Protein backbone atom coordinates (compact mmCIF):
# COMPACT_ATOMS: atom_id res chain seq x y z
CA MET A 1 22.99 126.69 -225.89
CA LYS A 2 22.91 130.77 -225.23
CA ILE A 3 21.35 130.19 -222.02
CA VAL A 4 23.89 128.09 -220.86
CA LYS A 5 26.72 130.10 -221.93
CA HIS A 6 24.92 133.14 -220.01
CA ILE A 7 24.32 130.99 -216.87
CA LEU A 8 27.84 129.83 -216.82
CA ALA A 9 29.31 133.21 -217.50
CA ALA A 10 26.81 134.55 -214.61
CA ALA A 11 28.26 131.61 -212.52
CA ILE A 12 32.21 132.37 -212.80
CA VAL A 13 31.40 136.05 -212.33
CA PHE A 14 29.51 135.14 -208.93
CA VAL A 15 32.78 132.81 -208.40
CA LEU A 16 34.93 135.16 -208.97
CA ALA A 17 33.21 138.19 -206.75
CA SER A 18 33.11 135.68 -204.08
CA ILE A 19 36.91 135.33 -204.23
CA VAL A 20 38.13 138.23 -204.26
CA SER A 21 35.80 139.76 -201.61
CA SER A 22 36.32 137.00 -199.18
CA PRO A 23 38.44 137.61 -196.24
CA GLY A 24 41.23 135.88 -196.60
CA PHE A 25 41.70 136.82 -199.99
CA ALA A 26 41.64 140.16 -199.00
CA GLN A 27 44.26 139.56 -196.51
CA ALA A 28 46.33 137.90 -198.80
CA GLY A 29 46.61 141.08 -200.82
CA SER A 30 46.66 143.73 -198.48
CA ASP A 31 49.86 145.72 -197.21
CA SER A 32 51.36 143.56 -194.31
CA SER A 33 51.98 146.78 -191.96
CA SER A 34 48.57 147.25 -191.69
CA THR A 35 48.63 144.48 -189.42
CA PRO A 36 50.35 144.95 -186.28
CA ALA A 37 52.95 142.36 -185.65
CA ALA A 38 52.45 140.41 -182.40
CA LEU A 39 54.85 142.21 -179.58
CA PRO A 40 56.71 140.00 -176.86
CA PRO A 41 54.47 139.62 -173.49
CA VAL A 42 55.05 142.27 -170.75
CA GLN A 43 56.67 141.12 -168.21
CA SER A 44 57.35 142.27 -164.82
CA GLN A 45 59.85 142.25 -162.00
CA GLY A 46 58.36 144.08 -158.32
CA GLN A 47 56.33 147.01 -159.46
CA THR A 48 58.71 147.61 -162.55
CA GLU A 49 56.88 146.43 -166.15
CA TYR A 50 59.16 145.90 -169.33
CA LEU A 51 59.50 144.05 -172.58
CA THR A 52 62.16 142.66 -174.09
CA GLY A 53 62.88 141.20 -177.98
CA GLY A 54 63.13 142.40 -181.20
CA ILE A 55 64.20 139.34 -183.17
CA GLY A 56 63.33 139.72 -186.86
CA ALA A 57 62.10 142.13 -188.80
CA ASP A 58 58.38 142.28 -187.69
CA GLU A 59 59.04 141.90 -184.29
CA SER A 60 61.57 144.88 -184.06
CA GLU A 61 59.40 147.36 -186.20
CA ALA A 62 56.22 146.35 -183.93
CA ILE A 63 58.84 147.43 -180.93
CA LEU A 64 60.26 150.51 -182.30
CA LYS A 65 55.79 151.59 -183.14
CA GLU A 66 55.07 150.59 -179.13
CA ALA A 67 58.45 152.09 -177.79
CA ARG A 68 57.14 156.00 -177.84
CA THR A 69 54.73 155.00 -174.85
CA TRP A 70 57.88 153.57 -172.67
CA PRO A 71 59.43 156.19 -170.24
CA LEU A 72 62.63 154.41 -171.30
CA VAL A 73 64.23 152.74 -174.59
CA LEU A 74 67.28 150.42 -174.41
CA GLN A 75 68.98 149.52 -177.84
CA LEU A 76 71.83 147.17 -177.69
CA VAL A 77 74.29 146.88 -180.27
CA GLN A 78 77.69 145.88 -180.85
CA ASN A 79 80.22 147.47 -183.72
CA GLY A 80 81.64 144.64 -186.05
CA PRO A 81 84.09 144.33 -188.68
CA THR A 82 82.30 146.16 -191.45
CA ARG A 83 78.90 147.25 -189.65
CA ALA A 84 76.94 147.26 -186.11
CA ALA A 85 74.73 144.49 -185.17
CA TYR A 86 71.94 143.98 -182.81
CA ILE A 87 72.48 141.87 -180.16
CA SER A 88 70.45 139.85 -177.22
CA ASP A 89 71.50 137.52 -174.26
CA VAL A 90 72.52 141.24 -172.45
CA ARG A 91 72.42 141.13 -168.76
CA VAL A 92 70.95 144.58 -167.92
CA THR A 93 70.30 146.12 -163.92
CA ILE A 94 69.02 149.14 -163.02
CA LYS A 95 68.84 150.71 -159.73
CA ASP A 96 66.77 154.02 -158.55
CA GLY A 97 68.53 157.03 -156.88
CA SER A 98 68.61 155.56 -153.70
CA GLY A 99 70.54 152.59 -155.14
CA THR A 100 67.63 149.97 -154.80
CA MET A 101 67.45 147.47 -157.67
CA ILE A 102 64.46 148.07 -160.24
CA LEU A 103 64.98 145.75 -162.58
CA ASP A 104 67.59 142.73 -162.93
CA THR A 105 67.01 140.75 -166.68
CA VAL A 106 68.60 139.47 -169.58
CA THR A 107 67.17 140.36 -172.95
CA GLU A 108 65.58 138.37 -175.45
CA GLY A 109 66.73 140.87 -178.31
CA PRO A 110 68.41 144.21 -179.09
CA PHE A 111 65.58 146.16 -177.14
CA LEU A 112 64.32 146.53 -173.65
CA LEU A 113 61.53 148.93 -173.18
CA VAL A 114 61.24 149.53 -169.41
CA ARG A 115 58.43 151.64 -167.28
CA LEU A 116 59.64 153.84 -164.94
CA VAL A 117 58.34 156.69 -162.80
CA PRO A 118 60.34 159.80 -163.07
CA GLY A 119 63.22 159.67 -161.13
CA LYS A 120 67.23 159.43 -161.45
CA TYR A 121 68.35 155.77 -162.73
CA SER A 122 71.70 153.79 -163.27
CA ILE A 123 71.54 151.18 -165.93
CA ASP A 124 74.58 148.69 -166.07
CA ALA A 125 74.62 146.15 -168.96
CA SER A 126 77.00 143.39 -169.67
CA TYR A 127 77.64 141.68 -172.65
CA GLU A 128 80.64 139.26 -173.46
CA SER A 129 82.27 140.35 -170.16
CA LYS A 130 82.00 144.34 -171.12
CA THR A 131 79.64 146.31 -168.61
CA LEU A 132 78.47 149.47 -169.97
CA HIS A 133 76.83 152.21 -167.17
CA ARG A 134 74.57 154.92 -167.99
CA ASP A 135 72.83 157.66 -165.52
CA VAL A 136 69.32 158.46 -166.78
CA SER A 137 66.78 160.94 -165.87
CA ILE A 138 63.10 160.38 -166.00
CA GLY A 139 60.67 163.10 -167.07
CA LYS A 140 57.06 163.49 -166.98
CA GLY A 141 55.82 162.18 -170.27
CA GLY A 142 58.17 161.02 -173.51
CA SER A 143 60.48 158.47 -174.09
CA ASN A 144 64.32 158.19 -173.26
CA LYS A 145 65.97 156.17 -176.21
CA ILE A 146 69.59 155.14 -175.20
CA MET A 147 71.55 153.33 -177.48
CA LEU A 148 74.77 150.80 -175.79
CA LEU A 149 77.14 150.31 -178.43
CA TRP A 150 79.75 147.71 -177.57
CA PRO A 151 82.91 147.52 -179.00
CA ALA A 152 83.83 145.30 -181.72
CA PRO A 153 85.03 142.01 -179.96
CA GLY A 154 89.13 142.31 -179.60
CA ASN A 155 89.03 145.89 -180.10
CA GLU A 156 88.26 147.57 -176.33
CA GLU A 157 88.87 151.51 -178.02
CA ASP A 158 85.86 151.26 -180.36
CA ARG A 159 83.05 152.48 -178.02
């Protein structure tokens, strides 16, 4: 009987050790921040590459980490009665210094990352019939982060 108990105890220890060391168990117990969330796909329009998204906390976090490597980062926000909120479905056009259209897209989330060569650009972003304009200079290296803040609905003075 003692031999059966020892064999049974050894089998239980072996099974538990196998479970704890299995990849599925290790992932379930690991910190989710160590596994990068999937980024939305990089798209292109002509020579311009861009990435848009940020729906959900995981995708937003992944985009914000990725944003450090992009020359232009737009964050799209609208004021609300109690706090500002991220928005999407914003039409964004970017023209270079000579007025040539570089990008014309509608965002799929509150972030738009754009690879631009150094130079001067104009940005127009339209949301709910309200267009915001910004002029920006892109230098070598680094990242320009611009928050575009629309007024709360019905409050044109808020900006």
